[in-house]
Amino acid sequence: METKVNTKGSNMKMNKEWYSVKQVAEYLNCSDRTIKRLIKKNQLQRKKVNGLNLIHQKWIDQMVLSNGSGKLSKRDKDQLQYLRMV
């Protein structure tokens, strides 16, 4: 997946599968604090590596499609599958 994120005049390409909290915040156009809050509420999964929170692209997609509930409906799962194929 390659997505251009425009943050304060700079273009940043996100074409990897693992992202930092800051990168996810830029991608979703919200604050780092919001991402940390979602992690704390278990609405967004993360893996901690050497003290750094890493978030996988599929976990971001799942959280967005589930509207933060963490549970996907059948329709959401189908849409996620479709997005991965495109």
C-alpha atoms as a PDB file:
ATOM      1  CA  MET A   1       0.000   0.000   0.000  1.00  0.00           C
ATOM      2  CA  GLU A   2       1.350   3.386  -0.903  1.00  0.00           C
ATOM      3  CA  THR A   3      -0.333   6.454   0.504  1.00  0.00           C
ATOM      4  CA  LYS A   4       0.862  10.029   0.353  1.00  0.00           C
ATOM      5  CA  VAL A   5       0.319  11.937   3.563  1.00  0.00           C
ATOM      6  CA  ASN A   6       0.599  15.705   3.484  1.00  0.00           C
ATOM      7  CA  THR A   7       1.698  17.043   6.873  1.00  0.00           C
ATOM      8  CA  LYS A   8       2.390  20.764   7.085  1.00  0.00           C
ATOM      9  CA  GLY A   9       3.666  21.091   3.568  1.00  0.00           C
ATOM     10  CA  SER A  10       5.717  17.910   3.408  1.00  0.00           C
ATOM     11  CA  ASN A  11       4.777  14.797   1.489  1.00  0.00           C
ATOM     12  CA  MET A  12       5.460  11.506   3.201  1.00  0.00           C
ATOM     13  CA  LYS A  13       5.005   8.141   1.508  1.00  0.00           C
ATOM     14  CA  MET A  14       3.757   5.310   3.674  1.00  0.00           C
ATOM     15  CA  ASN A  15       4.502   2.070   1.846  1.00  0.00           C
ATOM     16  CA  LYS A  16       5.352  -0.328   4.615  1.00  0.00           C
ATOM     17  CA  GLU A  17       3.265  -2.492   6.905  1.00  0.00           C
ATOM     18  CA  TRP A  18       4.423  -1.341  10.365  1.00  0.00           C
ATOM     19  CA  TYR A  19       3.974   2.235  11.594  1.00  0.00           C
ATOM     20  CA  SER A  20       4.883   4.264  14.665  1.00  0.00           C
ATOM     21  CA  VAL A  21       2.239   6.074  16.726  1.00  0.00           C
ATOM     22  CA  LYS A  22       3.276   9.367  15.111  1.00  0.00           C
ATOM     23  CA  GLN A  23       2.953   7.955  11.584  1.00  0.00           C
ATOM     24  CA  VAL A  24      -0.497   6.506  12.337  1.00  0.00           C
ATOM     25  CA  ALA A  25      -1.586   9.865  13.773  1.00  0.00           C
ATOM     26  CA  GLU A  26      -0.446  11.629  10.594  1.00  0.00           C
ATOM     27  CA  TYR A  27      -2.143   9.007   8.414  1.00  0.00           C
ATOM     28  CA  LEU A  28      -5.458   9.330  10.297  1.00  0.00           C
ATOM     29  CA  ASN A  29      -5.096  13.103  10.694  1.00  0.00           C
ATOM     30  CA  CYS A  30      -5.320  13.078  14.484  1.00  0.00           C
ATOM     31  CA  SER A  31      -2.975  13.557  17.433  1.00  0.00           C
ATOM     32  CA  ASP A  32      -0.462  11.112  18.902  1.00  0.00           C
ATOM     33  CA  ARG A  33      -2.468  11.307  22.100  1.00  0.00           C
ATOM     34  CA  THR A  34      -5.594  10.061  20.334  1.00  0.00           C
ATOM     35  CA  ILE A  35      -3.716   7.035  18.984  1.00  0.00           C
ATOM     36  CA  LYS A  36      -2.305   6.268  22.440  1.00  0.00           C
ATOM     37  CA  ARG A  37      -5.828   6.562  23.891  1.00  0.00           C
ATOM     38  CA  LEU A  38      -7.155   4.090  21.289  1.00  0.00           C
ATOM     39  CA  ILE A  39      -4.344   1.682  22.204  1.00  0.00           C
ATOM     40  CA  LYS A  40      -5.088   2.028  25.923  1.00  0.00           C
ATOM     41  CA  LYS A  41      -8.811   1.329  25.315  1.00  0.00           C
ATOM     42  CA  ASN A  42      -7.836  -1.759  23.262  1.00  0.00           C
ATOM     43  CA  GLN A  43      -9.503  -0.262  20.193  1.00  0.00           C
ATOM     44  CA  LEU A  44      -6.224  -0.347  18.290  1.00  0.00           C
ATOM     45  CA  GLN A  45      -3.722  -3.170  18.556  1.00  0.00           C
ATOM     46  CA  ARG A  46      -0.013  -2.570  18.852  1.00  0.00           C
ATOM     47  CA  LYS A  47       3.195  -4.508  19.277  1.00  0.00           C
ATOM     48  CA  LYS A  48       5.857  -3.141  21.567  1.00  0.00           C
ATOM     49  CA  VAL A  49       9.413  -3.583  20.236  1.00  0.00           C
ATOM     50  CA  ASN A  50      12.340  -2.117  22.182  1.00  0.00           C
ATOM     51  CA  GLY A  51       9.986   0.324  23.912  1.00  0.00           C
ATOM     52  CA  LEU A  52       8.471   1.494  20.612  1.00  0.00           C
ATOM     53  CA  ASN A  53       4.787   0.987  19.810  1.00  0.00           C
ATOM     54  CA  LEU A  54       4.432  -0.477  16.310  1.00  0.00           C
ATOM     55  CA  ILE A  55       1.052  -0.736  14.628  1.00  0.00           C
ATOM     56  CA  HIS A  56       0.362  -2.993  11.655  1.00  0.00           C
ATOM     57  CA  GLN A  57      -1.537  -1.665   8.638  1.00  0.00           C
ATOM     58  CA  LYS A  58      -4.264  -4.326   8.943  1.00  0.00           C
ATOM     59  CA  TRP A  59      -4.904  -3.256  12.562  1.00  0.00           C
ATOM     60  CA  ILE A  60      -5.358   0.347  11.400  1.00  0.00           C
ATOM     61  CA  ASP A  61      -7.784  -0.775   8.666  1.00  0.00           C
ATOM     62  CA  GLN A  62      -9.683  -2.937  11.130  1.00  0.00           C
ATOM     63  CA  MET A  63     -10.024  -0.113  13.659  1.00  0.00           C
ATOM     64  CA  VAL A  64     -11.193   2.365  11.025  1.00  0.00           C
ATOM     65  CA  LEU A  65     -13.727  -0.011   9.477  1.00  0.00           C
ATOM     66  CA  SER A  66     -15.090  -1.060  12.871  1.00  0.00           C
ATOM     67  CA  ASN A  67     -15.519   2.590  13.925  1.00  0.00           C
ATOM     68  CA  GLY A  68     -13.284   1.967  16.912  1.00  0.00           C
ATOM     69  CA  SER A  69     -15.270  -0.957  18.338  1.00  0.00           C
ATOM     70  CA  GLY A  70     -12.636  -3.495  17.337  1.00  0.00           C
ATOM     71  CA  LYS A  71     -15.262  -5.889  15.992  1.00  0.00           C
ATOM     72  CA  LEU A  72     -15.895  -6.197  12.276  1.00  0.00           C
ATOM     73  CA  SER A  73     -19.238  -7.046  10.763  1.00  0.00           C
ATOM     74  CA  LYS A  74     -19.405  -9.417   7.787  1.00  0.00           C
ATOM     75  CA  ARG A  75     -19.852  -6.414   5.486  1.00  0.00           C
ATOM     76  CA  ASP A  76     -16.772  -4.726   6.969  1.00  0.00           C
ATOM     77  CA  LYS A  77     -14.728  -7.912   6.541  1.00  0.00           C
ATOM     78  CA  ASP A  78     -15.791  -8.116   2.899  1.00  0.00           C
ATOM     79  CA  GLN A  79     -14.862  -4.483   2.342  1.00  0.00           C
ATOM     80  CA  LEU A  80     -11.479  -4.971   4.019  1.00  0.00           C
ATOM     81  CA  GLN A  81     -10.827  -7.987   1.789  1.00  0.00           C
ATOM     82  CA  TYR A  82     -11.758  -5.899  -1.266  1.00  0.00           C
ATOM     83  CA  LEU A  83      -9.418  -3.075  -0.217  1.00  0.00           C
ATOM     84  CA  ARG A  84      -6.513  -5.474   0.127  1.00  0.00           C
ATOM     85  CA  MET A  85      -7.077  -6.751  -3.408  1.00  0.00           C
ATOM     86  CA  VAL A  86      -7.108  -3.297  -4.992  1.00  0.00           C
END
